[in-house]
Amino acid sequence: MNNISIVGRITKSPELRLVAENRQVTSFTVAVNRNFKNQQGEVEADFILCNAWGKLAEQIVKYCGKGSLIGVNGKLQSRNYTNDEGKKVYVTDVYADEVRFLQLKNPTNMFEQVEEFQLPTNLGSVSNVGVNEIGFSISFTFFNSAQM
């Protein structure tokens, strides 16, 4: 069984890339707070690399910016490559199957008019929408289109 679920904040606004055969992908890092404080009384975080493909990648780039609080369900993948210095580099990241948008930081001011917001059809379901002093709060789920 290979399942992982994380909740945290995106550290940098995701960007959409096209790879072989015009497949869309986005890579992003999620900062996940640890459940304890260190000896100095500070909460530390782990920085988890994540990848999303297809429509899921498109929606993450469209709706999420730096600081967005998201939940990611997926699986761990390990890979390796040889860098320019000839050293073998090992990478473990999350292949996102499902992403829940918990609190969005608006990357493009697209939510200035809440009345105009409409969820794209056949991509998820809205459970809570609102605006607060921090940003746009919304809770809905997008699934990897390969699973539909």
Foldseek 3Di string as FASTA:
>chain_A
DFKDKAKFWWAFQWDWDADPPRKIKTKTWGWGWDPAADPVRHIHTDIAIEMEIDPVRVVSNQWAGGGFIKMFMFGKDKDWDQDPVRDIDIDIHGYGFKMWGFFHAGPDCPCVPVVPDDDPPPFWDWDDWDADPVGTGTTIMGGRPVVD
